Amino acid sequence: MSIEDPLIAILVVSDRAARGEYEDKGGPAAEDWIARVVTSGVRTLRRIVPDGRDSVAAAIRELADNAGADLILVTGGTGPAPRDETPEALDAVIDKRLAGFGEAMRLASLAEVPTAILSRQDAGIRGKSLIITLPGKPAAISTCLTAVFRAVPYCLDLIGAARIETDPPICDAFRPRP
């Protein structure tokens, strides 16, 4: 791992985890998934913030603009409950929305649980950072990342972020041939 390696930030959104009342399992699950799938050197950074539009938006801005994260995975806050405002925070900070990510994640999740239609996962771009919002449950994180990650390396290439490689038997990333 070196300072030139891509930075993948994992932002955990949870009131209880931020207060230390709950052991977060979503952040470690996302980090473990990345460690299994990404074969190129990467640096990871994990942060926990409370639910809410302002706290999540501020954290995404800091990770994209100051930390220089190439990929930001946001876990939690994507449901319909009153404190679930991760999608609204994403709306406040992105330059471009990538609606296909949310559609693919919900479709993959719907094959496993009927309540997937309640989830509001999404993705967007801020500068040279790709931001993907995910559910907070470890199994759902794996389902969602598996559904979309084949497109992530090429998306990072297109937006000028650092290049990442994946393990083809686990995740055969798609890049068009020149």
Protein backbone atom coordinates (compact mmCIF):
# COMPACT_ATOMS: atom_id res chain seq x y z
CA MET A 1 0.00 0.00 0.00
CA SER A 2 1.38 3.40 -0.96
CA ILE A 3 0.14 6.97 -1.03
CA GLU A 4 -0.37 6.60 -4.81
CA ASP A 5 -2.78 3.69 -4.36
CA PRO A 6 -6.47 4.48 -4.89
CA LEU A 7 -8.38 5.55 -1.78
CA ILE A 8 -11.64 3.77 -1.05
CA ALA A 9 -13.58 5.44 1.75
CA ILE A 10 -16.29 3.64 3.67
CA LEU A 11 -18.75 5.98 5.33
CA VAL A 12 -20.99 4.33 7.90
CA VAL A 13 -24.24 6.18 8.61
CA SER A 14 -25.74 5.20 11.95
CA ASP A 15 -26.90 7.16 14.99
CA ARG A 16 -26.26 4.23 17.33
CA ALA A 17 -22.83 3.36 15.94
CA ALA A 18 -21.79 7.03 16.02
CA ARG A 19 -22.75 7.14 19.71
CA GLY A 20 -20.89 3.89 20.43
CA GLU A 21 -24.09 2.04 21.40
CA TYR A 22 -23.89 -0.44 18.55
CA GLU A 23 -21.01 -2.31 16.97
CA ASP A 24 -21.10 -1.42 13.30
CA LYS A 25 -21.07 -4.44 11.03
CA GLY A 26 -21.71 -2.69 7.71
CA GLY A 27 -18.38 -0.90 7.49
CA PRO A 28 -16.31 -4.03 8.12
CA ALA A 29 -18.49 -5.98 5.66
CA ALA A 30 -17.86 -3.41 2.91
CA GLU A 31 -14.14 -3.35 3.69
CA ASP A 32 -13.95 -7.17 3.64
CA TRP A 33 -15.81 -7.28 0.31
CA ILE A 34 -13.35 -4.81 -1.22
CA ALA A 35 -10.38 -6.78 0.16
CA ARG A 36 -11.71 -9.97 -1.49
CA VAL A 37 -12.51 -8.42 -4.85
CA VAL A 38 -9.99 -5.64 -5.56
CA THR A 39 -6.57 -7.01 -6.50
CA SER A 40 -4.70 -3.75 -7.08
CA GLY A 41 -3.26 -1.92 -4.12
CA VAL A 42 -5.80 0.28 -2.37
CA ARG A 43 -5.96 2.32 0.78
CA THR A 44 -9.13 2.24 2.83
CA LEU A 45 -10.51 4.76 5.25
CA ARG A 46 -13.56 4.18 7.41
CA ARG A 47 -15.64 6.87 9.12
CA ILE A 48 -18.85 6.75 11.14
CA VAL A 49 -21.35 9.62 11.22
CA PRO A 50 -24.85 9.93 12.65
CA ASP A 51 -27.88 9.74 10.39
CA GLY A 52 -29.06 12.98 8.86
CA ARG A 53 -28.74 14.96 5.68
CA ASP A 54 -26.22 17.51 6.97
CA SER A 55 -23.85 15.07 8.70
CA VAL A 56 -23.76 12.71 5.73
CA ALA A 57 -23.38 15.48 3.14
CA ALA A 58 -20.52 17.08 5.11
CA ALA A 59 -18.73 13.74 5.42
CA ILE A 60 -19.08 12.98 1.70
CA ARG A 61 -17.76 16.45 0.81
CA GLU A 62 -14.78 15.98 3.14
CA LEU A 63 -13.96 12.51 1.78
CA ALA A 64 -14.26 13.60 -1.87
CA ASP A 65 -12.79 17.09 -1.72
CA ASN A 66 -10.18 16.91 1.06
CA ALA A 67 -9.28 13.23 1.48
CA GLY A 68 -9.35 12.66 -2.29
CA ALA A 69 -11.31 9.40 -2.16
CA ASP A 70 -11.66 7.75 -5.55
CA LEU A 71 -14.58 5.61 -4.40
CA ILE A 72 -16.88 6.33 -1.46
CA LEU A 73 -19.14 3.54 -0.22
CA VAL A 74 -21.84 4.88 2.09
CA THR A 75 -23.57 2.23 4.21
CA GLY A 76 -26.86 2.91 5.94
CA GLY A 77 -29.56 5.55 5.95
CA THR A 78 -31.13 4.42 2.68
CA GLY A 79 -34.48 3.21 4.03
CA PRO A 80 -37.80 5.02 4.45
CA ALA A 81 -37.49 5.78 8.20
CA PRO A 82 -37.56 9.47 9.23
CA ARG A 83 -33.81 9.60 10.06
CA ASP A 84 -32.81 7.83 6.80
CA GLU A 85 -31.61 10.80 4.75
CA THR A 86 -28.58 9.43 2.95
CA PRO A 87 -30.23 9.85 -0.50
CA GLU A 88 -31.05 13.46 0.29
CA ALA A 89 -27.45 14.04 1.40
CA LEU A 90 -26.21 12.50 -1.85
CA ASP A 91 -28.51 14.81 -3.82
CA ALA A 92 -26.94 17.80 -2.07
CA VAL A 93 -23.35 16.93 -3.04
CA ILE A 94 -23.21 15.18 -6.42
CA ASP A 95 -22.48 16.69 -9.82
CA LYS A 96 -24.04 13.78 -11.73
CA ARG A 97 -26.40 10.95 -10.78
CA LEU A 98 -25.85 7.39 -12.00
CA ALA A 99 -29.38 6.02 -11.63
CA GLY A 100 -28.53 2.61 -13.09
CA PHE A 101 -26.60 1.73 -9.94
CA GLY A 102 -29.66 2.08 -7.72
CA GLU A 103 -31.85 0.23 -10.19
CA ALA A 104 -29.42 -2.72 -10.40
CA MET A 105 -28.93 -2.89 -6.63
CA ARG A 106 -32.67 -2.91 -5.93
CA LEU A 107 -33.29 -5.54 -8.60
CA ALA A 108 -30.59 -7.84 -7.17
CA SER A 109 -31.89 -7.30 -3.63
CA LEU A 110 -35.48 -7.93 -4.69
CA ALA A 111 -34.49 -11.45 -5.69
CA GLU A 112 -33.63 -12.02 -2.01
CA VAL A 113 -36.13 -9.96 0.00
CA PRO A 114 -39.50 -8.40 -0.92
CA THR A 115 -38.72 -5.27 1.12
CA ALA A 116 -35.92 -4.30 -1.30
CA ILE A 117 -38.40 -1.95 -2.97
CA LEU A 118 -38.25 0.19 0.19
CA SER A 119 -34.53 0.81 -0.19
CA ARG A 120 -33.24 3.99 -1.78
CA GLN A 121 -29.69 3.08 -2.83
CA ASP A 122 -28.14 5.31 -5.45
CA ALA A 123 -24.86 6.53 -6.90
CA GLY A 124 -23.36 9.71 -8.20
CA ILE A 125 -20.18 11.55 -9.03
CA ARG A 126 -18.59 14.45 -7.22
CA GLY A 127 -15.46 15.67 -8.99
CA LYS A 128 -13.26 12.57 -9.38
CA SER A 129 -15.10 10.55 -6.72
CA LEU A 130 -17.68 7.86 -7.37
CA ILE A 131 -20.15 7.63 -4.48
CA ILE A 132 -22.33 4.55 -4.01
CA THR A 133 -24.95 4.40 -1.26
CA LEU A 134 -25.67 0.98 0.18
CA PRO A 135 -27.89 -0.58 2.83
CA GLY A 136 -26.33 -1.06 6.26
CA LYS A 137 -26.77 -4.84 6.59
CA PRO A 138 -23.70 -6.92 5.65
CA ALA A 139 -25.59 -9.42 3.45
CA ALA A 140 -27.32 -6.59 1.58
CA ILE A 141 -24.00 -4.78 1.10
CA SER A 142 -22.54 -7.88 -0.55
CA THR A 143 -25.61 -8.34 -2.77
CA CYS A 144 -25.54 -4.72 -3.89
CA LEU A 145 -21.80 -4.50 -4.53
CA THR A 146 -21.89 -7.77 -6.46
CA ALA A 147 -24.71 -6.34 -8.61
CA VAL A 148 -22.84 -3.20 -9.67
CA PHE A 149 -19.11 -3.56 -9.16
CA ARG A 150 -18.32 -4.88 -12.65
CA ALA A 151 -18.95 -1.30 -13.86
CA VAL A 152 -17.06 0.49 -11.07
CA PRO A 153 -13.46 0.25 -12.40
CA TYR A 154 -14.45 1.62 -15.82
CA CYS A 155 -16.53 4.37 -14.21
CA LEU A 156 -13.49 5.38 -12.15
CA ASP A 157 -11.43 5.47 -15.38
CA LEU A 158 -14.02 7.69 -17.09
CA ILE A 159 -14.15 10.26 -14.29
CA GLY A 160 -10.36 10.51 -13.93
CA ALA A 161 -10.11 8.64 -10.62
CA ALA A 162 -7.34 6.16 -9.84
CA ARG A 163 -7.40 2.80 -11.59
CA ILE A 164 -8.43 -0.33 -9.74
CA GLU A 165 -8.30 -3.97 -10.81
CA THR A 166 -10.55 -6.81 -9.68
CA ASP A 167 -10.19 -10.57 -9.34
CA PRO A 168 -11.98 -11.88 -12.48
CA PRO A 169 -13.31 -15.14 -10.97
CA ILE A 170 -15.04 -13.05 -8.28
CA CYS A 171 -15.84 -9.87 -10.21
CA ASP A 172 -14.94 -9.66 -13.88
CA ALA A 173 -14.76 -5.89 -14.32
CA PHE A 174 -15.86 -4.68 -17.73
CA ARG A 175 -13.75 -2.26 -19.72
CA PRO A 176 -14.44 -1.78 -23.45
CA ARG A 177 -11.68 -2.89 -25.75
CA PRO A 178 -9.79 -0.06 -27.41
